[in-house]
Amino acid sequence: MAGSTAVLAAILLIDLVAFGLAIGAEQSRPSASLETDARKEWTYCVYRPDAATGMAGAALALLLVGQAVAAVASRCFCCGAALRPGGARGCALMLFLSSWLTFLIAEACLLAGLVQSAYHTGYRTVIFENPPDCETVRRGTFGAGAAFALITGVLTGFYYYNFSKARVAYQRPEAAIGMSRYS
């Protein structure tokens, strides 16, 4: 197999753990309920403790680590050694761009859910007015982040494989100027 199996396994494992944490965050989204005070004058939101914030933060960080491992191992595609012309190089370029696009989408979904999960409104209203809005994370926010994290892991794995395949045994031709007497 082209490239380092350990690097490929690390990329896939890190992204798979990030996927699992994002799924866990989706399953443990915070919920809120309306409560009234003892004198029945105010209504307010009470949020139950959640683990979604911590899991989403860990998934966000692991996804970033997975991309960093791939970037360092391949020397960020454009700063590395010469690649053999052909299908593997073209495929590696397309996978490189696709993996970064899905990475950015996954990070945006996880970050949006993380911020919404960490922010708990403390609005209070008088009991006879409209009740406060107890905002929580929308269903599917962390799920979308998890789906894009899984897609990112697969694309990054294929990118690293194709990059390594294009890099193997390619020697850049030496620049030579013919300096013989009969030229």
N, C-alpha and C. Protein backbone atom coordinates (compact mmCIF):
# COMPACT_ATOMS: atom_id res chain seq x y z
N MET A 1 0.84 -1.18 0.00
CA MET A 1 0.00 0.00 0.00
C MET A 1 0.88 1.25 0.00
N ALA A 2 0.45 2.23 -0.72
CA ALA A 2 1.22 3.47 -0.79
C ALA A 2 1.03 4.26 0.49
N GLY A 3 2.08 4.95 0.91
CA GLY A 3 1.97 5.79 2.11
C GLY A 3 2.09 5.00 3.38
N SER A 4 1.96 5.71 4.46
CA SER A 4 2.08 5.10 5.78
C SER A 4 0.72 4.59 6.25
N THR A 5 0.68 3.33 6.59
CA THR A 5 -0.56 2.74 7.10
C THR A 5 -0.91 3.34 8.45
N ALA A 6 0.09 3.66 9.25
CA ALA A 6 -0.16 4.24 10.56
C ALA A 6 -0.82 5.62 10.44
N VAL A 7 -0.37 6.42 9.49
CA VAL A 7 -0.97 7.75 9.29
C VAL A 7 -2.41 7.60 8.82
N LEU A 8 -2.65 6.72 7.87
CA LEU A 8 -4.00 6.49 7.37
C LEU A 8 -4.92 5.98 8.48
N ALA A 9 -4.42 5.06 9.30
CA ALA A 9 -5.22 4.55 10.41
C ALA A 9 -5.50 5.64 11.44
N ALA A 10 -4.51 6.49 11.70
CA ALA A 10 -4.71 7.59 12.66
C ALA A 10 -5.76 8.57 12.16
N ILE A 11 -5.70 8.91 10.88
CA ILE A 11 -6.68 9.84 10.31
C ILE A 11 -8.09 9.26 10.43
N LEU A 12 -8.24 8.01 10.04
CA LEU A 12 -9.57 7.39 10.08
C LEU A 12 -10.07 7.21 11.51
N LEU A 13 -9.19 6.82 12.42
CA LEU A 13 -9.60 6.62 13.81
C LEU A 13 -10.01 7.93 14.47
N ILE A 14 -9.23 8.98 14.26
CA ILE A 14 -9.55 10.29 14.85
C ILE A 14 -10.88 10.81 14.32
N ASP A 15 -11.08 10.69 13.01
CA ASP A 15 -12.34 11.17 12.44
C ASP A 15 -13.52 10.30 12.84
N LEU A 16 -13.30 9.02 13.04
CA LEU A 16 -14.38 8.13 13.49
C LEU A 16 -14.77 8.45 14.94
N VAL A 17 -13.80 8.76 15.79
CA VAL A 17 -14.11 9.16 17.16
C VAL A 17 -14.85 10.50 17.17
N ALA A 18 -14.44 11.43 16.31
CA ALA A 18 -15.15 12.71 16.19
C ALA A 18 -16.59 12.49 15.75
N PHE A 19 -16.80 11.57 14.82
CA PHE A 19 -18.15 11.21 14.38
C PHE A 19 -18.97 10.67 15.54
N GLY A 20 -18.39 9.76 16.32
CA GLY A 20 -19.10 9.19 17.47
C GLY A 20 -19.46 10.24 18.52
N LEU A 21 -18.54 11.15 18.77
CA LEU A 21 -18.82 12.22 19.74
C LEU A 21 -19.92 13.15 19.23
N ALA A 22 -19.92 13.44 17.95
CA ALA A 22 -20.98 14.30 17.40
C ALA A 22 -22.34 13.61 17.46
N ILE A 23 -22.37 12.31 17.23
CA ILE A 23 -23.63 11.55 17.37
C ILE A 23 -24.07 11.57 18.84
N GLY A 24 -23.12 11.41 19.75
CA GLY A 24 -23.45 11.49 21.17
C GLY A 24 -23.98 12.86 21.56
N ALA A 25 -23.42 13.91 20.99
CA ALA A 25 -23.91 15.26 21.26
C ALA A 25 -25.33 15.43 20.74
N GLU A 26 -25.62 14.84 19.58
CA GLU A 26 -26.99 14.92 19.04
C GLU A 26 -27.98 14.20 19.95
N GLN A 27 -27.56 13.07 20.52
CA GLN A 27 -28.45 12.30 21.38
C GLN A 27 -28.67 12.96 22.74
N SER A 28 -27.73 13.77 23.19
CA SER A 28 -27.86 14.38 24.52
C SER A 28 -28.05 15.89 24.43
N ARG A 29 -28.76 16.33 23.40
CA ARG A 29 -29.04 17.76 23.28
C ARG A 29 -29.76 18.25 24.53
N PRO A 30 -29.49 19.48 24.94
CA PRO A 30 -30.16 20.00 26.14
C PRO A 30 -31.64 20.26 25.88
N SER A 31 -32.40 20.13 26.94
CA SER A 31 -33.82 20.47 26.85
C SER A 31 -34.13 21.49 27.94
N ALA A 32 -35.21 22.20 27.73
CA ALA A 32 -35.58 23.26 28.68
C ALA A 32 -37.07 23.13 29.00
N SER A 33 -37.41 23.61 30.17
CA SER A 33 -38.82 23.63 30.56
C SER A 33 -39.13 24.97 31.22
N LEU A 34 -40.38 25.38 31.10
CA LEU A 34 -40.82 26.63 31.73
C LEU A 34 -41.18 26.37 33.18
N GLU A 35 -40.71 27.19 34.05
CA GLU A 35 -41.02 27.09 35.47
C GLU A 35 -41.55 28.44 35.93
N THR A 36 -42.30 28.41 37.00
CA THR A 36 -42.76 29.66 37.62
C THR A 36 -42.16 29.75 39.02
N ASP A 37 -41.98 30.97 39.47
CA ASP A 37 -41.39 31.15 40.79
C ASP A 37 -42.43 30.84 41.87
N ALA A 38 -41.99 30.87 43.12
CA ALA A 38 -42.86 30.49 44.24
C ALA A 38 -44.06 31.43 44.39
N ARG A 39 -43.88 32.70 44.05
CA ARG A 39 -44.99 33.65 44.21
C ARG A 39 -45.87 33.72 42.96
N LYS A 40 -45.55 32.91 41.97
CA LYS A 40 -46.32 32.84 40.72
C LYS A 40 -46.37 34.17 39.98
N GLU A 41 -45.25 34.90 40.00
CA GLU A 41 -45.19 36.18 39.30
C GLU A 41 -44.36 36.10 38.02
N TRP A 42 -43.37 35.24 37.99
CA TRP A 42 -42.45 35.19 36.88
C TRP A 42 -42.38 33.78 36.30
N THR A 43 -42.19 33.72 35.00
CA THR A 43 -41.87 32.43 34.37
C THR A 43 -40.45 32.53 33.83
N TYR A 44 -39.75 31.44 33.86
CA TYR A 44 -38.37 31.42 33.39
C TYR A 44 -38.03 30.02 32.87
N CYS A 45 -36.92 29.93 32.16
CA CYS A 45 -36.49 28.67 31.56
C CYS A 45 -35.52 27.95 32.49
N VAL A 46 -35.72 26.66 32.63
CA VAL A 46 -34.81 25.82 33.41
C VAL A 46 -34.24 24.78 32.44
N TYR A 47 -32.90 24.78 32.30
CA TYR A 47 -32.22 23.84 31.40
C TYR A 47 -31.67 22.69 32.22
N ARG A 48 -31.87 21.49 31.70
CA ARG A 48 -31.28 20.33 32.38
C ARG A 48 -29.82 20.24 31.98
N PRO A 49 -28.97 19.76 32.86
CA PRO A 49 -27.54 19.65 32.52
C PRO A 49 -27.37 18.73 31.30
N ASP A 50 -26.43 19.09 30.45
CA ASP A 50 -26.23 18.29 29.24
C ASP A 50 -24.75 18.03 29.03
N ALA A 51 -24.50 16.96 28.29
CA ALA A 51 -23.12 16.63 27.94
C ALA A 51 -22.83 17.00 26.49
N ALA A 52 -23.82 17.53 25.81
CA ALA A 52 -23.68 17.85 24.38
C ALA A 52 -22.59 18.88 24.14
N THR A 53 -22.48 19.86 25.02
CA THR A 53 -21.48 20.90 24.83
C THR A 53 -20.07 20.33 24.86
N GLY A 54 -19.78 19.49 25.82
CA GLY A 54 -18.45 18.88 25.92
C GLY A 54 -18.16 17.93 24.77
N MET A 55 -19.16 17.13 24.40
CA MET A 55 -18.96 16.19 23.30
C MET A 55 -18.76 16.92 21.98
N ALA A 56 -19.53 17.96 21.74
CA ALA A 56 -19.38 18.72 20.50
C ALA A 56 -18.03 19.42 20.45
N GLY A 57 -17.58 19.95 21.58
CA GLY A 57 -16.26 20.58 21.63
C GLY A 57 -15.14 19.59 21.36
N ALA A 58 -15.27 18.38 21.91
CA ALA A 58 -14.26 17.35 21.67
C ALA A 58 -14.28 16.89 20.21
N ALA A 59 -15.47 16.76 19.63
CA ALA A 59 -15.58 16.37 18.22
C ALA A 59 -14.98 17.44 17.32
N LEU A 60 -15.22 18.69 17.66
CA LEU A 60 -14.67 19.82 16.91
C LEU A 60 -13.14 19.77 16.92
N ALA A 61 -12.57 19.56 18.10
CA ALA A 61 -11.12 19.51 18.24
C ALA A 61 -10.52 18.29 17.54
N LEU A 62 -11.16 17.14 17.66
CA LEU A 62 -10.63 15.93 17.02
C LEU A 62 -10.68 16.02 15.50
N LEU A 63 -11.73 16.62 15.00
CA LEU A 63 -11.83 16.79 13.55
C LEU A 63 -10.70 17.69 13.05
N LEU A 64 -10.38 18.71 13.81
CA LEU A 64 -9.27 19.59 13.46
C LEU A 64 -7.94 18.85 13.52
N VAL A 65 -7.77 18.01 14.52
CA VAL A 65 -6.54 17.22 14.65
C VAL A 65 -6.40 16.25 13.47
N GLY A 66 -7.51 15.63 13.05
CA GLY A 66 -7.46 14.71 11.92
C GLY A 66 -7.01 15.40 10.64
N GLN A 67 -7.53 16.60 10.40
CA GLN A 67 -7.11 17.35 9.21
C GLN A 67 -5.65 17.78 9.33
N ALA A 68 -5.22 18.14 10.52
CA ALA A 68 -3.83 18.55 10.73
C ALA A 68 -2.88 17.38 10.48
N VAL A 69 -3.25 16.19 10.93
CA VAL A 69 -2.41 15.01 10.70
C VAL A 69 -2.26 14.75 9.21
N ALA A 70 -3.37 14.85 8.47
CA ALA A 70 -3.32 14.63 7.02
C ALA A 70 -2.49 15.71 6.33
N ALA A 71 -2.64 16.95 6.78
CA ALA A 71 -1.89 18.05 6.16
C ALA A 71 -0.40 17.93 6.43
N VAL A 72 -0.03 17.57 7.64
CA VAL A 72 1.38 17.42 7.98
C VAL A 72 1.99 16.21 7.26
N ALA A 73 1.25 15.13 7.21
CA ALA A 73 1.77 13.92 6.57
C ALA A 73 1.97 14.10 5.07
N SER A 74 1.12 14.89 4.45
CA SER A 74 1.24 15.10 3.01
C SER A 74 1.90 16.43 2.67
N ARG A 75 2.39 17.10 3.67
CA ARG A 75 3.00 18.42 3.51
C ARG A 75 2.06 19.37 2.79
N CYS A 76 0.80 19.32 3.17
CA CYS A 76 -0.25 20.21 2.71
C CYS A 76 -0.41 20.21 1.19
N PHE A 77 -0.16 19.12 0.56
CA PHE A 77 -0.37 18.89 -0.87
C PHE A 77 0.43 19.80 -1.80
N CYS A 78 0.44 21.09 -1.54
CA CYS A 78 1.09 22.01 -2.48
C CYS A 78 2.52 22.33 -2.09
N CYS A 79 2.92 22.04 -0.88
CA CYS A 79 4.28 22.39 -0.42
C CYS A 79 5.20 21.18 -0.40
N GLY A 80 4.74 20.06 -0.85
CA GLY A 80 5.51 18.83 -0.74
C GLY A 80 6.35 18.53 -1.95
N ALA A 81 6.74 17.28 -2.06
CA ALA A 81 7.58 16.82 -3.15
C ALA A 81 6.77 16.76 -4.44
N ALA A 82 7.47 16.57 -5.54
CA ALA A 82 6.81 16.47 -6.83
C ALA A 82 5.97 15.21 -6.90
N LEU A 83 4.85 15.31 -7.58
CA LEU A 83 3.95 14.17 -7.73
C LEU A 83 3.99 13.69 -9.17
N ARG A 84 3.83 12.39 -9.31
CA ARG A 84 3.80 11.80 -10.64
C ARG A 84 2.55 12.27 -11.37
N PRO A 85 2.69 12.75 -12.61
CA PRO A 85 1.51 13.17 -13.36
C PRO A 85 0.60 11.97 -13.62
N GLY A 86 -0.68 12.21 -13.61
CA GLY A 86 -1.60 11.13 -13.91
C GLY A 86 -2.85 11.20 -13.07
N GLY A 87 -3.59 10.10 -13.09
CA GLY A 87 -4.88 10.03 -12.43
C GLY A 87 -4.81 10.15 -10.93
N ALA A 88 -3.78 9.59 -10.31
CA ALA A 88 -3.68 9.63 -8.85
C ALA A 88 -3.49 11.06 -8.36
N ARG A 89 -2.71 11.85 -9.09
CA ARG A 89 -2.48 13.24 -8.70
C ARG A 89 -3.76 14.05 -8.87
N GLY A 90 -4.46 13.88 -9.98
CA GLY A 90 -5.72 14.59 -10.19
C GLY A 90 -6.77 14.20 -9.18
N CYS A 91 -6.85 12.92 -8.87
CA CYS A 91 -7.80 12.44 -7.87
C CYS A 91 -7.44 12.98 -6.49
N ALA A 92 -6.15 13.01 -6.19
CA ALA A 92 -5.71 13.55 -4.90
C ALA A 92 -6.08 15.02 -4.77
N LEU A 93 -5.94 15.78 -5.85
CA LEU A 93 -6.31 17.19 -5.81
C LEU A 93 -7.81 17.36 -5.56
N MET A 94 -8.63 16.60 -6.25
CA MET A 94 -10.09 16.70 -6.06
C MET A 94 -10.49 16.27 -4.64
N LEU A 95 -9.88 15.21 -4.15
CA LEU A 95 -10.18 14.75 -2.80
C LEU A 95 -9.68 15.73 -1.75
N PHE A 96 -8.55 16.37 -2.01
CA PHE A 96 -8.01 17.39 -1.11
C PHE A 96 -9.01 18.54 -0.95
N LEU A 97 -9.48 19.05 -2.08
CA LEU A 97 -10.44 20.16 -2.04
C LEU A 97 -11.77 19.73 -1.41
N SER A 98 -12.24 18.55 -1.76
CA SER A 98 -13.50 18.05 -1.21
C SER A 98 -13.42 17.82 0.29
N SER A 99 -12.30 17.26 0.74
CA SER A 99 -12.17 16.98 2.17
C SER A 99 -12.13 18.27 2.98
N TRP A 100 -11.47 19.30 2.46
CA TRP A 100 -11.44 20.58 3.18
C TRP A 100 -12.81 21.26 3.17
N LEU A 101 -13.55 21.11 2.08
CA LEU A 101 -14.90 21.69 2.04
C LEU A 101 -15.81 21.01 3.05
N THR A 102 -15.81 19.68 3.09
CA THR A 102 -16.65 18.98 4.06
C THR A 102 -16.17 19.21 5.49
N PHE A 103 -14.86 19.38 5.66
CA PHE A 103 -14.33 19.70 6.98
C PHE A 103 -14.88 21.03 7.47
N LEU A 104 -14.87 22.05 6.61
CA LEU A 104 -15.37 23.36 7.00
C LEU A 104 -16.87 23.31 7.31
N ILE A 105 -17.62 22.54 6.55
CA ILE A 105 -19.06 22.41 6.83
C ILE A 105 -19.28 21.71 8.16
N ALA A 106 -18.54 20.63 8.41
CA ALA A 106 -18.67 19.91 9.68
C ALA A 106 -18.31 20.80 10.86
N GLU A 107 -17.22 21.55 10.73
CA GLU A 107 -16.81 22.45 11.81
C GLU A 107 -17.86 23.52 12.05
N ALA A 108 -18.46 24.06 10.97
CA ALA A 108 -19.48 25.09 11.13
C ALA A 108 -20.72 24.54 11.83
N CYS A 109 -21.15 23.34 11.46
CA CYS A 109 -22.31 22.73 12.11
C CYS A 109 -22.04 22.46 13.59
N LEU A 110 -20.88 21.89 13.88
CA LEU A 110 -20.55 21.59 15.27
C LEU A 110 -20.38 22.86 16.10
N LEU A 111 -19.76 23.87 15.51
CA LEU A 111 -19.56 25.12 16.22
C LEU A 111 -20.89 25.83 16.48
N ALA A 112 -21.77 25.83 15.50
CA ALA A 112 -23.09 26.46 15.69
C ALA A 112 -23.87 25.75 16.79
N GLY A 113 -23.86 24.42 16.77
CA GLY A 113 -24.54 23.67 17.82
C GLY A 113 -23.89 23.85 19.18
N LEU A 114 -22.58 23.92 19.20
CA LEU A 114 -21.84 24.12 20.45
C LEU A 114 -22.17 25.46 21.08
N VAL A 115 -22.18 26.51 20.28
CA VAL A 115 -22.49 27.84 20.80
C VAL A 115 -23.92 27.90 21.29
N GLN A 116 -24.85 27.33 20.53
CA GLN A 116 -26.25 27.35 20.93
C GLN A 116 -26.48 26.49 22.18
N SER A 117 -25.75 25.39 22.28
CA SER A 117 -25.89 24.52 23.45
C SER A 117 -25.31 25.16 24.71
N ALA A 118 -24.24 25.92 24.55
CA ALA A 118 -23.60 26.54 25.70
C ALA A 118 -24.34 27.79 26.17
N TYR A 119 -25.09 28.40 25.27
CA TYR A 119 -25.80 29.64 25.60
C TYR A 119 -27.20 29.29 26.10
N HIS A 120 -27.46 29.62 27.34
CA HIS A 120 -28.79 29.38 27.92
C HIS A 120 -29.41 30.72 28.25
N THR A 121 -30.54 30.97 27.65
CA THR A 121 -31.20 32.26 27.89
C THR A 121 -31.75 32.31 29.30
N GLY A 122 -31.76 33.48 29.85
CA GLY A 122 -32.27 33.66 31.21
C GLY A 122 -33.43 34.63 31.25
N TYR A 123 -34.20 34.66 30.17
CA TYR A 123 -35.29 35.61 30.11
C TYR A 123 -36.35 35.28 31.15
N ARG A 124 -36.88 36.32 31.74
CA ARG A 124 -38.00 36.16 32.66
C ARG A 124 -39.11 37.08 32.18
N THR A 125 -40.31 36.64 32.30
CA THR A 125 -41.44 37.49 31.95
C THR A 125 -42.49 37.38 33.04
N VAL A 126 -43.32 38.40 33.10
CA VAL A 126 -44.42 38.38 34.04
C VAL A 126 -45.39 37.29 33.59
N ILE A 127 -46.02 36.63 34.52
CA ILE A 127 -46.82 35.43 34.25
C ILE A 127 -47.95 35.68 33.25
N PHE A 128 -48.53 36.86 33.23
CA PHE A 128 -49.65 37.09 32.32
C PHE A 128 -49.20 37.55 30.93
N GLU A 129 -47.90 37.78 30.72
CA GLU A 129 -47.39 38.10 29.39
C GLU A 129 -47.04 36.80 28.65
N ASN A 130 -46.56 36.94 27.43
CA ASN A 130 -46.16 35.76 26.67
C ASN A 130 -45.00 35.07 27.39
N PRO A 131 -45.02 33.74 27.43
CA PRO A 131 -43.92 33.02 28.09
C PRO A 131 -42.62 33.21 27.31
N PRO A 132 -41.47 33.09 28.00
CA PRO A 132 -40.18 33.26 27.31
C PRO A 132 -39.91 32.12 26.35
N ASP A 133 -39.06 32.39 25.40
CA ASP A 133 -38.62 31.37 24.46
C ASP A 133 -37.45 30.63 25.07
N CYS A 134 -37.61 29.37 25.33
CA CYS A 134 -36.51 28.56 25.88
C CYS A 134 -35.78 27.92 24.70
N GLU A 135 -34.82 28.65 24.17
CA GLU A 135 -34.11 28.20 22.98
C GLU A 135 -33.16 27.04 23.31
N THR A 136 -33.19 26.04 22.47
CA THR A 136 -32.26 24.92 22.56
C THR A 136 -31.71 24.65 21.16
N VAL A 137 -30.78 23.73 21.10
CA VAL A 137 -30.17 23.37 19.82
C VAL A 137 -31.22 22.66 18.96
N ARG A 138 -31.30 23.06 17.71
CA ARG A 138 -32.24 22.41 16.80
C ARG A 138 -31.84 20.97 16.57
N ARG A 139 -32.84 20.14 16.41
CA ARG A 139 -32.60 18.73 16.12
C ARG A 139 -31.89 18.63 14.78
N GLY A 140 -30.82 17.88 14.73
CA GLY A 140 -30.09 17.66 13.49
C GLY A 140 -28.86 18.52 13.32
N THR A 141 -28.65 19.50 14.18
CA THR A 141 -27.47 20.35 14.04
C THR A 141 -26.20 19.53 14.27
N PHE A 142 -26.15 18.81 15.38
CA PHE A 142 -25.00 17.96 15.65
C PHE A 142 -24.97 16.76 14.71
N GLY A 143 -26.15 16.30 14.30
CA GLY A 143 -26.23 15.19 13.36
C GLY A 143 -25.63 15.54 12.01
N ALA A 144 -25.89 16.75 11.55
CA ALA A 144 -25.28 17.21 10.29
C ALA A 144 -23.76 17.30 10.44
N GLY A 145 -23.32 17.80 11.58
CA GLY A 145 -21.88 17.85 11.85
C GLY A 145 -21.27 16.46 11.87
N ALA A 146 -22.00 15.50 12.44
CA ALA A 146 -21.51 14.12 12.48
C ALA A 146 -21.43 13.53 11.08
N ALA A 147 -22.44 13.77 10.27
CA ALA A 147 -22.43 13.23 8.90
C ALA A 147 -21.27 13.80 8.10
N PHE A 148 -21.06 15.11 8.21
CA PHE A 148 -19.95 15.72 7.47
C PHE A 148 -18.61 15.32 8.06
N ALA A 149 -18.55 15.02 9.35
CA ALA A 149 -17.30 14.53 9.95
C ALA A 149 -16.96 13.16 9.38
N LEU A 150 -17.95 12.30 9.21
CA LEU A 150 -17.71 10.98 8.64
C LEU A 150 -17.28 11.10 7.18
N ILE A 151 -17.96 11.95 6.43
CA ILE A 151 -17.58 12.15 5.02
C ILE A 151 -16.17 12.73 4.93
N THR A 152 -15.84 13.65 5.83
CA THR A 152 -14.49 14.22 5.86
C THR A 152 -13.44 13.15 6.11
N GLY A 153 -13.72 12.25 7.05
CA GLY A 153 -12.78 11.17 7.35
C GLY A 153 -12.54 10.27 6.15
N VAL A 154 -13.60 9.92 5.46
CA VAL A 154 -13.47 9.05 4.28
C VAL A 154 -12.70 9.77 3.17
N LEU A 155 -13.08 11.02 2.89
CA LEU A 155 -12.41 11.76 1.83
C LEU A 155 -10.94 12.01 2.15
N THR A 156 -10.65 12.32 3.41
CA THR A 156 -9.26 12.56 3.81
C THR A 156 -8.44 11.28 3.71
N GLY A 157 -9.02 10.16 4.08
CA GLY A 157 -8.32 8.88 3.93
C GLY A 157 -8.01 8.56 2.48
N PHE A 158 -8.99 8.73 1.61
CA PHE A 158 -8.75 8.49 0.18
C PHE A 158 -7.76 9.51 -0.40
N TYR A 159 -7.84 10.76 0.08
CA TYR A 159 -6.88 11.77 -0.37
C TYR A 159 -5.46 11.35 -0.02
N TYR A 160 -5.25 10.95 1.23
CA TYR A 160 -3.89 10.58 1.64
C TYR A 160 -3.40 9.37 0.86
N TYR A 161 -4.27 8.42 0.61
CA TYR A 161 -3.89 7.23 -0.16
C TYR A 161 -3.47 7.62 -1.58
N ASN A 162 -4.30 8.43 -2.25
CA ASN A 162 -3.98 8.83 -3.63
C ASN A 162 -2.75 9.74 -3.68
N PHE A 163 -2.60 10.61 -2.70
CA PHE A 163 -1.40 11.45 -2.64
C PHE A 163 -0.15 10.59 -2.51
N SER A 164 -0.21 9.60 -1.64
CA SER A 164 0.95 8.72 -1.43
C SER A 164 1.23 7.90 -2.68
N LYS A 165 0.19 7.48 -3.36
CA LYS A 165 0.33 6.70 -4.59
C LYS A 165 1.00 7.53 -5.69
N ALA A 166 0.64 8.81 -5.77
CA ALA A 166 1.24 9.69 -6.78
C ALA A 166 2.68 10.07 -6.43
N ARG A 167 3.01 10.00 -5.16
CA ARG A 167 4.35 10.40 -4.72
C ARG A 167 5.36 9.27 -4.79
N VAL A 168 4.91 8.03 -4.75
CA VAL A 168 5.80 6.87 -4.69
C VAL A 168 6.63 6.76 -5.97
N ALA A 169 7.91 6.62 -5.81
CA ALA A 169 8.86 6.32 -6.88
C ALA A 169 8.83 7.32 -8.02
N TYR A 170 8.55 8.55 -7.73
CA TYR A 170 8.61 9.56 -8.79
C TYR A 170 9.84 10.40 -8.57
N GLN A 171 10.69 10.42 -9.55
CA GLN A 171 11.89 11.24 -9.51
C GLN A 171 11.72 12.38 -10.52
N ARG A 172 11.90 13.57 -10.04
CA ARG A 172 11.80 14.73 -10.92
C ARG A 172 12.98 14.67 -11.90
N PRO A 173 12.70 14.88 -13.17
CA PRO A 173 13.82 14.85 -14.12
C PRO A 173 14.80 15.99 -13.85
N GLU A 174 16.06 15.67 -13.98
CA GLU A 174 17.11 16.66 -13.75
C GLU A 174 17.13 17.66 -14.89
N ALA A 175 17.31 18.89 -14.58
CA ALA A 175 17.44 19.91 -15.61
C ALA A 175 18.85 19.80 -16.18
N ALA A 176 18.93 19.60 -17.45
CA ALA A 176 20.24 19.42 -18.08
C ALA A 176 20.31 20.25 -19.35
N ILE A 177 21.44 20.83 -19.51
CA ILE A 177 21.72 21.57 -20.74
C ILE A 177 22.80 20.82 -21.48
N GLY A 178 22.55 20.53 -22.75
CA GLY A 178 23.53 19.80 -23.53
C GLY A 178 24.80 20.62 -23.73
N MET A 179 25.90 20.16 -23.19
CA MET A 179 27.15 20.90 -23.26
C MET A 179 28.24 20.11 -23.99
N SER A 180 27.85 19.32 -24.96
CA SER A 180 28.87 18.58 -25.69
C SER A 180 29.48 19.45 -26.79
N ARG A 181 30.58 19.01 -27.32
CA ARG A 181 31.27 19.79 -28.34
C ARG A 181 30.47 19.85 -29.63
N TYR A 182 29.69 18.86 -29.92
CA TYR A 182 29.01 18.78 -31.20
C TYR A 182 27.57 19.27 -31.16
N SER A 183 27.17 20.03 -30.20
CA SER A 183 25.80 20.50 -30.12
C SER A 183 25.56 21.64 -31.05
